[in-house]
Amino acid sequence: MEGPRLSYTYEVAPVFVLMEAEVLRGLRQLVGWTEGDGLFCPGGSASNMYAMNIARYQHFPEVKSQGLCGLPRLNIFTSSDSHYSVKKGAAFLGIGTDNVIIVEVDEGGRMIPDDLDEKITLAKSQGAVPFFVSCTSGTTVRGAFDPLDLIADVCEKHKLWMHVDAAWGGSVLFSKQHSHLLKGVYRANSVSWNPHKMLVAGLQCSALLLQDTTDLLRKCHSANATYLFQQDKFYDLNLDVGDKSVQCSRKVDCLKLWLMWKAVGSIGFAERVDKAFNQARYLVEQMKKREGFHLLQEPEFVNVCFWFIPPSMRGKEGMADYQDRLAKVAPVIKERMMKQGTMMVGYQPLGNKVNFFRMVVFSPLLTQKDMDFFLDEIERLGKDL
């Protein structure tokens, strides 16, 4: 067998085929599925795109042979805070970014199910065919978790495929304390999950999980190449997983998670998740004790979003140019930290909110001392602005 880089037929990589099946089964059980399917993909964006393609195939299987010419105008629904890969996937698959319908979010960044329902109904009345809803569990910026149970009700009502992009937030399923954030995830048709994010598995390690038991993944993507996937082999042909993916040979990304899971166990993963939440909570508590730190909102996850108000701007919120001045603070502090090499923390605007910092706390190596250093450094770099 070849080294830990290729997986397409059982005879080429028997251990890795079985290893991937074991890891996927374990992840599906955490979602709440006793059966199903899945594969490891080159990143969460690819996992989301796979889900979109499979959902389209389920609704219109003729698309595989006939292409787009015979299809009606399809609509995808996702929140305004969802990952950009939803639009990229729509563009790549020929659905079109204009057919990605943006659903409003509440003050915490969570999709509003009533708005989803209304927009699906409106799309139908305008002659489009809604087929796919992409929810987010752990949005990129605010770390928000969409209300999956309520969204599942809407998807069942309209008979749409429900996908959960849990690339960032899926790992909370290991934690008894925090798994409630994904309440209702078992009702989804598909879930994307990136252990290389919160669990800190080696890049890349991204899984697509399916509740489907009808072999949709293979039917959608198979090309039945006779030089690889002969039908008269002596072993179970379901072990030849290569025809399930768009790629042929794939890196054995499951190996990283398999090794970690064997080493630290589910309890170890739960401890990592809980520690991240504790560190984020500590950071927020310390921010509230210091002048100049203003939270965007109370964090739902481990994304701590905040503005730093320099001493020269404190108490001057009524100034006409206050927001313009505030928007320039984070970029300058970021430039200084990068040039001095002390930290690397992102910032961004969001809607009508000007540039704010987004501190994402998840590494198991972080300590409270690191959190204190972070706050001290923000103050040091921004005190003269």
Protein backbone atom coordinates (compact mmCIF):
# COMPACT_ATOMS: atom_id res chain seq x y z
CA MET A 1 0.00 0.00 0.00
CA GLU A 2 1.15 3.54 -0.67
CA GLY A 3 2.06 5.90 2.14
CA PRO A 4 -0.45 8.09 4.00
CA ARG A 5 -1.24 10.33 1.08
CA LEU A 6 -3.58 8.45 -1.23
CA SER A 7 -6.98 6.87 -0.82
CA TYR A 8 -9.25 5.78 -3.64
CA THR A 9 -9.55 1.98 -3.62
CA TYR A 10 -9.48 -0.47 -0.78
CA GLU A 11 -6.61 -2.44 -2.27
CA VAL A 12 -4.41 0.67 -2.43
CA ALA A 13 -5.14 1.89 1.11
CA PRO A 14 -7.07 -0.72 3.10
CA VAL A 15 -6.12 0.59 6.54
CA PHE A 16 -6.96 4.18 5.64
CA VAL A 17 -10.30 3.26 4.08
CA LEU A 18 -11.32 1.52 7.32
CA MET A 19 -9.86 4.35 9.39
CA GLU A 20 -11.90 6.97 7.54
CA ALA A 21 -15.04 4.88 7.98
CA GLU A 22 -14.41 4.61 11.73
CA VAL A 23 -13.79 8.34 12.20
CA LEU A 24 -16.81 9.35 10.11
CA ARG A 25 -18.98 6.93 12.06
CA GLY A 26 -17.81 8.50 15.32
CA LEU A 27 -18.54 12.02 14.10
CA ARG A 28 -21.98 11.01 12.81
CA GLN A 29 -22.83 9.51 16.19
CA LEU A 30 -22.05 12.84 17.83
CA VAL A 31 -24.42 14.52 15.37
CA GLY A 32 -27.05 11.97 16.38
CA TRP A 33 -27.10 9.61 13.38
CA THR A 34 -26.71 5.87 13.75
CA GLU A 35 -26.34 5.47 9.98
CA GLY A 36 -25.22 7.64 7.12
CA ASP A 37 -22.34 8.46 4.82
CA GLY A 38 -19.57 10.99 4.35
CA LEU A 39 -15.99 11.66 3.36
CA PHE A 40 -13.09 13.91 4.17
CA CYS A 41 -12.79 16.95 1.91
CA PRO A 42 -10.07 19.54 1.27
CA GLY A 43 -11.57 22.15 3.59
CA GLY A 44 -14.94 23.40 4.75
CA SER A 45 -15.60 25.34 1.55
CA ALA A 46 -15.31 22.11 -0.44
CA SER A 47 -17.53 20.28 2.07
CA ASN A 48 -20.22 22.95 1.70
CA MET A 49 -19.97 22.74 -2.08
CA TYR A 50 -20.29 18.95 -2.00
CA ALA A 51 -23.45 19.27 0.09
CA MET A 52 -24.91 21.73 -2.39
CA ASN A 53 -24.15 19.44 -5.31
CA ILE A 54 -25.63 16.37 -3.61
CA ALA A 55 -28.77 18.29 -2.66
CA ARG A 56 -29.23 19.42 -6.25
CA TYR A 57 -28.71 15.88 -7.49
CA GLN A 58 -31.33 14.57 -5.06
CA HIS A 59 -33.89 17.09 -6.36
CA PHE A 60 -32.86 16.79 -10.04
CA PRO A 61 -30.82 13.62 -10.71
CA GLU A 62 -30.91 14.36 -14.44
CA VAL A 63 -28.47 17.23 -13.87
CA LYS A 64 -25.62 14.73 -13.77
CA SER A 65 -26.13 13.65 -17.38
CA GLN A 66 -27.97 16.59 -18.93
CA GLY A 67 -26.31 19.52 -17.21
CA LEU A 68 -27.93 22.83 -16.36
CA CYS A 69 -29.92 23.43 -19.54
CA GLY A 70 -32.98 21.51 -18.37
CA LEU A 71 -33.13 22.88 -14.85
CA PRO A 72 -35.43 25.58 -13.50
CA ARG A 73 -34.01 28.58 -11.65
CA LEU A 74 -32.76 27.19 -8.35
CA ASN A 75 -32.54 29.12 -5.08
CA ILE A 76 -30.24 28.65 -2.11
CA PHE A 77 -30.91 30.28 1.25
CA THR A 78 -28.33 31.29 3.83
CA SER A 79 -27.90 33.97 6.46
CA SER A 80 -26.21 37.33 5.97
CA ASP A 81 -23.49 36.18 8.41
CA SER A 82 -22.77 32.85 6.70
CA HIS A 83 -19.45 31.87 5.14
CA TYR A 84 -18.59 33.20 1.70
CA SER A 85 -18.16 29.63 0.43
CA VAL A 86 -21.93 29.40 -0.04
CA LYS A 87 -21.78 32.02 -2.80
CA LYS A 88 -18.57 30.55 -4.18
CA GLY A 89 -20.22 27.15 -4.38
CA ALA A 90 -23.26 28.58 -6.14
CA ALA A 91 -20.99 30.24 -8.69
CA PHE A 92 -18.87 27.13 -9.22
CA LEU A 93 -21.88 24.85 -9.69
CA GLY A 94 -23.57 27.16 -12.19
CA ILE A 95 -26.43 28.08 -9.87
CA GLY A 96 -25.32 31.70 -9.75
CA THR A 97 -24.66 34.06 -6.88
CA ASP A 98 -27.83 36.04 -7.67
CA ASN A 99 -29.78 32.91 -6.74
CA VAL A 100 -28.33 32.83 -3.23
CA ILE A 101 -31.06 34.45 -1.16
CA ILE A 102 -29.81 36.18 1.98
CA VAL A 103 -31.86 35.62 5.13
CA GLU A 104 -31.87 38.23 7.89
CA VAL A 105 -30.19 37.61 11.23
CA ASP A 106 -31.14 38.70 14.74
CA GLU A 107 -29.06 40.97 16.97
CA GLY A 108 -26.77 38.05 17.81
CA GLY A 109 -26.11 37.10 14.18
CA ARG A 110 -28.44 34.06 14.12
CA MET A 111 -30.66 33.29 11.12
CA ILE A 112 -34.30 34.32 11.62
CA PRO A 113 -36.50 31.30 10.74
CA ASP A 114 -39.60 33.41 10.03
CA ASP A 115 -37.68 35.44 7.47
CA LEU A 116 -36.40 32.21 5.91
CA ASP A 117 -39.97 30.92 5.61
CA GLU A 118 -41.18 34.16 4.03
CA LYS A 119 -38.34 34.28 1.51
CA ILE A 120 -38.83 30.66 0.46
CA THR A 121 -42.54 31.35 -0.09
CA LEU A 122 -41.73 34.50 -2.06
CA ALA A 123 -39.18 32.66 -4.23
CA LYS A 124 -41.76 30.01 -5.09
CA SER A 125 -44.29 32.67 -6.05
CA GLN A 126 -41.71 34.19 -8.41
CA GLY A 127 -41.17 30.92 -10.26
CA ALA A 128 -37.91 29.83 -8.65
CA VAL A 129 -37.32 26.40 -7.12
CA PRO A 130 -35.84 26.57 -3.60
CA PHE A 131 -33.83 23.44 -2.82
CA PHE A 132 -31.09 24.15 -0.26
CA VAL A 133 -30.77 25.93 3.07
CA SER A 134 -27.29 26.42 4.50
CA CYS A 135 -27.35 27.08 8.24
CA THR A 136 -24.27 28.05 10.23
CA SER A 137 -23.14 26.69 13.58
CA GLY A 138 -20.40 29.08 14.58
CA THR A 139 -20.36 32.01 12.15
CA THR A 140 -16.94 33.23 11.11
CA VAL A 141 -17.08 36.67 12.69
CA ARG A 142 -19.44 36.58 15.68
CA GLY A 143 -19.48 32.85 16.34
CA ALA A 144 -23.28 32.67 16.18
CA PHE A 145 -25.26 29.43 16.09
CA ASP A 146 -28.40 29.39 13.94
CA PRO A 147 -31.53 27.93 15.61
CA LEU A 148 -31.42 24.54 13.92
CA ASP A 149 -34.66 23.08 15.27
CA LEU A 150 -36.74 26.02 14.03
CA ILE A 151 -34.96 26.04 10.68
CA ALA A 152 -35.54 22.28 10.36
CA ASP A 153 -39.28 22.92 10.76
CA VAL A 154 -39.16 25.35 7.82
CA CYS A 155 -37.10 22.95 5.69
CA GLU A 156 -39.50 20.09 6.36
CA LYS A 157 -42.47 22.30 5.54
CA HIS A 158 -41.01 23.23 2.15
CA LYS A 159 -39.16 19.92 1.55
CA LEU A 160 -35.71 21.53 1.24
CA TRP A 161 -32.30 20.02 1.92
CA MET A 162 -30.97 21.33 5.26
CA HIS A 163 -27.21 21.70 5.45
CA VAL A 164 -25.36 22.79 8.58
CA ASP A 165 -22.02 24.50 8.08
CA ALA A 166 -20.47 23.53 11.42
CA ALA A 167 -16.92 23.87 10.14
CA TRP A 168 -16.10 26.16 13.06
CA GLY A 169 -18.63 25.21 15.74
CA GLY A 170 -19.13 21.47 15.23
CA SER A 171 -16.54 20.48 17.81
CA VAL A 172 -18.76 21.70 20.67
CA LEU A 173 -20.63 18.41 20.19
CA PHE A 174 -17.87 16.77 22.22
CA SER A 175 -18.81 18.93 25.23
CA LYS A 176 -21.79 18.03 27.39
CA GLN A 177 -21.70 21.58 28.71
CA HIS A 178 -21.90 23.30 25.34
CA SER A 179 -23.39 20.82 22.83
CA HIS A 180 -26.79 22.48 23.28
CA LEU A 181 -25.58 25.14 20.84
CA LEU A 182 -26.22 22.61 18.04
CA LYS A 183 -29.60 21.47 19.35
CA GLY A 184 -31.52 19.97 16.43
CA VAL A 185 -28.47 19.25 14.26
CA TYR A 186 -29.58 15.61 13.92
CA ARG A 187 -32.49 16.85 11.77
CA ALA A 188 -30.12 18.13 9.07
CA ASN A 189 -29.42 16.27 5.82
CA SER A 190 -25.72 17.13 5.86
CA VAL A 191 -23.12 18.68 8.13
CA SER A 192 -19.65 20.04 7.41
CA TRP A 193 -17.17 19.94 10.29
CA ASN A 194 -13.51 21.00 10.43
CA PRO A 195 -11.57 19.31 13.24
CA HIS A 196 -8.55 21.34 12.11
CA LYS A 197 -10.22 24.39 13.61
CA MET A 198 -11.31 24.07 17.24
CA LEU A 199 -9.76 20.66 17.88
CA VAL A 200 -6.48 21.87 16.32
CA ALA A 201 -6.02 18.79 14.14
CA GLY A 202 -3.29 19.22 11.55
CA LEU A 203 -4.30 21.04 8.38
CA GLN A 204 -6.23 19.90 6.50
CA CYS A 205 -8.91 17.90 8.26
CA SER A 206 -12.47 18.58 7.13
CA ALA A 207 -15.38 16.17 7.10
CA LEU A 208 -18.68 16.14 5.23
CA LEU A 209 -21.30 14.06 7.03
CA LEU A 210 -24.55 12.84 5.48
CA GLN A 211 -27.64 11.33 7.05
CA ASP A 212 -28.40 9.67 3.70
CA THR A 213 -28.36 5.86 3.49
CA THR A 214 -29.23 5.56 -0.21
CA ASP A 215 -25.66 6.03 -1.51
CA LEU A 216 -26.39 9.52 -2.86
CA LEU A 217 -22.74 10.50 -2.52
CA ARG A 218 -21.61 7.78 -4.92
CA LYS A 219 -24.55 8.14 -7.32
CA CYS A 220 -23.95 11.87 -7.61
CA HIS A 221 -20.22 11.72 -8.26
CA SER A 222 -19.40 8.30 -9.69
CA ALA A 223 -17.92 7.89 -13.16
CA ASN A 224 -17.41 4.11 -12.89
CA ALA A 225 -13.91 4.06 -14.30
CA THR A 226 -13.31 0.40 -15.16
CA TYR A 227 -9.55 0.64 -14.71
CA LEU A 228 -10.05 1.41 -11.00
CA PHE A 229 -13.52 0.39 -9.91
CA GLN A 230 -13.96 -3.03 -11.45
CA GLN A 231 -17.24 -4.67 -10.50
CA ASP A 232 -15.85 -8.21 -10.19
CA LYS A 233 -13.34 -7.68 -7.38
CA PHE A 234 -13.16 -10.27 -4.62
CA TYR A 235 -14.03 -7.83 -1.79
CA ASP A 236 -16.99 -5.62 -0.89
CA LEU A 237 -17.11 -2.94 -3.60
CA ASN A 238 -18.45 -0.37 -1.11
CA LEU A 239 -14.91 -0.24 0.26
CA ASP A 240 -13.75 1.46 -2.95
CA VAL A 241 -14.59 4.98 -1.77
CA GLY A 242 -12.83 6.86 -4.57
CA ASP A 243 -15.91 7.19 -6.76
CA LYS A 244 -17.76 9.05 -4.00
CA SER A 245 -15.56 12.10 -4.37
CA VAL A 246 -14.85 14.60 -7.12
CA GLN A 247 -11.17 13.83 -6.64
CA CYS A 248 -9.81 10.41 -7.35
CA SER A 249 -6.88 10.04 -5.01
CA ARG A 250 -7.31 12.02 -1.80
CA LYS A 251 -4.93 12.73 1.04
CA VAL A 252 -5.75 10.61 4.07
CA ASP A 253 -6.90 13.52 6.20
CA CYS A 254 -8.76 11.23 8.59
CA LEU A 255 -5.42 9.95 9.92
CA LYS A 256 -4.78 13.15 11.89
CA LEU A 257 -8.10 13.00 13.68
CA TRP A 258 -7.90 9.22 14.19
CA LEU A 259 -4.52 9.54 15.90
CA MET A 260 -5.67 12.47 18.07
CA TRP A 261 -8.88 10.73 19.04
CA LYS A 262 -6.99 7.60 20.06
CA ALA A 263 -4.49 9.71 22.02
CA VAL A 264 -6.75 12.03 24.02
CA GLY A 265 -10.18 10.43 23.64
CA SER A 266 -13.57 12.09 23.54
CA ILE A 267 -13.04 13.31 27.10
CA GLY A 268 -9.81 15.01 26.04
CA PHE A 269 -11.60 16.75 23.16
CA ALA A 270 -14.37 17.86 25.53
CA GLU A 271 -11.77 19.32 27.86
CA ARG A 272 -10.23 21.28 24.98
CA VAL A 273 -13.60 22.73 24.06
CA ASP A 274 -14.51 23.59 27.65
CA LYS A 275 -11.11 25.18 28.25
CA ALA A 276 -11.56 27.41 25.20
CA PHE A 277 -14.91 28.62 26.51
CA ASN A 278 -13.38 29.26 29.93
CA GLN A 279 -10.53 31.28 28.46
CA ALA A 280 -12.92 33.34 26.35
CA ARG A 281 -15.06 33.96 29.44
CA TYR A 282 -11.99 35.07 31.40
CA LEU A 283 -10.97 37.43 28.59
CA VAL A 284 -14.42 39.04 28.55
CA GLU A 285 -14.42 39.44 32.35
CA GLN A 286 -11.04 41.17 32.23
CA MET A 287 -12.14 43.45 29.40
CA LYS A 288 -15.06 44.66 31.48
CA LYS A 289 -12.64 45.68 34.22
CA ARG A 290 -10.59 47.87 31.88
CA GLU A 291 -11.47 51.23 30.42
CA GLY A 292 -11.51 51.47 26.64
CA PHE A 293 -12.71 47.96 25.72
CA HIS A 294 -16.24 47.83 24.33
CA LEU A 295 -17.80 44.48 23.37
CA LEU A 296 -19.76 44.16 20.15
CA GLN A 297 -22.00 41.72 22.06
CA GLU A 298 -21.77 39.07 24.74
CA PRO A 299 -20.05 36.14 23.00
CA GLU A 300 -22.11 33.02 22.31
CA PHE A 301 -18.98 31.09 21.38
CA VAL A 302 -15.24 31.79 21.66
CA ASN A 303 -15.24 34.68 19.19
CA VAL A 304 -14.69 37.81 21.28
CA CYS A 305 -15.52 40.86 19.17
CA PHE A 306 -14.72 44.31 20.54
CA TRP A 307 -13.66 47.86 19.87
CA PHE A 308 -10.73 49.48 21.61
CA ILE A 309 -11.44 53.13 22.38
CA PRO A 310 -8.19 55.11 22.74
CA PRO A 311 -7.98 57.56 25.65
CA SER A 312 -8.33 60.53 23.27
CA MET A 313 -11.76 59.32 22.12
CA ARG A 314 -13.33 58.26 25.40
CA GLY A 315 -16.49 60.12 26.30
CA LYS A 316 -16.71 61.69 22.85
CA GLU A 317 -19.25 59.32 21.29
CA GLY A 318 -21.42 62.28 20.28
CA MET A 319 -18.83 63.72 17.91
CA ALA A 320 -19.89 63.81 14.25
CA ASP A 321 -16.75 62.01 13.08
CA TYR A 322 -16.58 59.54 15.98
CA GLN A 323 -17.39 56.44 13.90
CA ASP A 324 -14.95 57.46 11.16
CA ARG A 325 -12.20 57.89 13.72
CA LEU A 326 -13.06 54.63 15.46
CA ALA A 327 -12.92 52.75 12.13
CA LYS A 328 -9.23 53.72 11.81
CA VAL A 329 -8.16 52.49 15.25
CA ALA A 330 -8.10 48.73 14.67
CA PRO A 331 -6.15 48.90 11.37
CA VAL A 332 -3.43 51.04 12.98
CA ILE A 333 -3.13 48.76 16.01
CA LYS A 334 -3.04 45.73 13.71
CA GLU A 335 -0.27 47.32 11.64
CA ARG A 336 1.76 48.04 14.76
CA MET A 337 1.39 44.54 16.22
CA MET A 338 2.40 42.98 12.91
CA LYS A 339 5.44 45.21 12.42
CA GLN A 340 6.56 44.66 16.01
CA GLY A 341 5.82 40.94 15.78
CA THR A 342 4.00 40.68 19.09
CA MET A 343 0.57 39.35 18.02
CA MET A 344 -1.62 38.69 15.01
CA VAL A 345 -5.31 39.38 15.61
CA GLY A 346 -7.90 40.08 12.93
CA TYR A 347 -10.33 42.96 12.54
CA GLN A 348 -13.23 43.70 10.19
CA PRO A 349 -16.37 45.79 9.74
CA LEU A 350 -19.79 44.11 9.80
CA GLY A 351 -22.88 45.70 8.30
CA ASN A 352 -23.10 49.22 9.75
CA LYS A 353 -20.53 48.44 12.45
CA VAL A 354 -17.09 49.92 11.80
CA ASN A 355 -13.84 47.98 12.20
CA PHE A 356 -13.63 45.94 15.38
CA PHE A 357 -11.22 43.28 16.64
CA ARG A 358 -12.11 39.59 16.59
CA MET A 359 -10.12 37.61 19.11
CA VAL A 360 -10.77 33.88 18.62
CA VAL A 361 -9.81 31.87 21.70
CA PHE A 362 -9.43 28.13 21.08
CA SER A 363 -5.86 26.85 21.32
CA PRO A 364 -5.40 24.47 24.27
CA LEU A 365 -1.98 26.07 24.80
CA LEU A 366 -3.46 29.46 25.73
CA THR A 367 -3.36 30.54 29.37
CA GLN A 368 -4.87 33.36 31.40
CA LYS A 369 -1.44 34.98 31.27
CA ASP A 370 -1.78 35.08 27.46
CA MET A 371 -5.19 36.74 27.80
CA ASP A 372 -3.71 39.38 30.11
CA PHE A 373 -0.83 39.98 27.69
CA PHE A 374 -3.28 40.41 24.84
CA LEU A 375 -5.20 43.14 26.67
CA ASP A 376 -2.01 44.87 27.82
CA GLU A 377 -0.65 44.84 24.29
CA ILE A 378 -3.82 46.31 22.76
CA GLU A 379 -3.64 49.11 25.33
CA ARG A 380 0.08 49.70 24.70
CA LEU A 381 -0.28 49.82 20.93
CA GLY A 382 -3.34 52.07 20.97
CA LYS A 383 -2.83 54.44 23.87
CA ASP A 384 -1.54 57.34 21.75
CA LEU A 385 -4.16 57.20 18.98
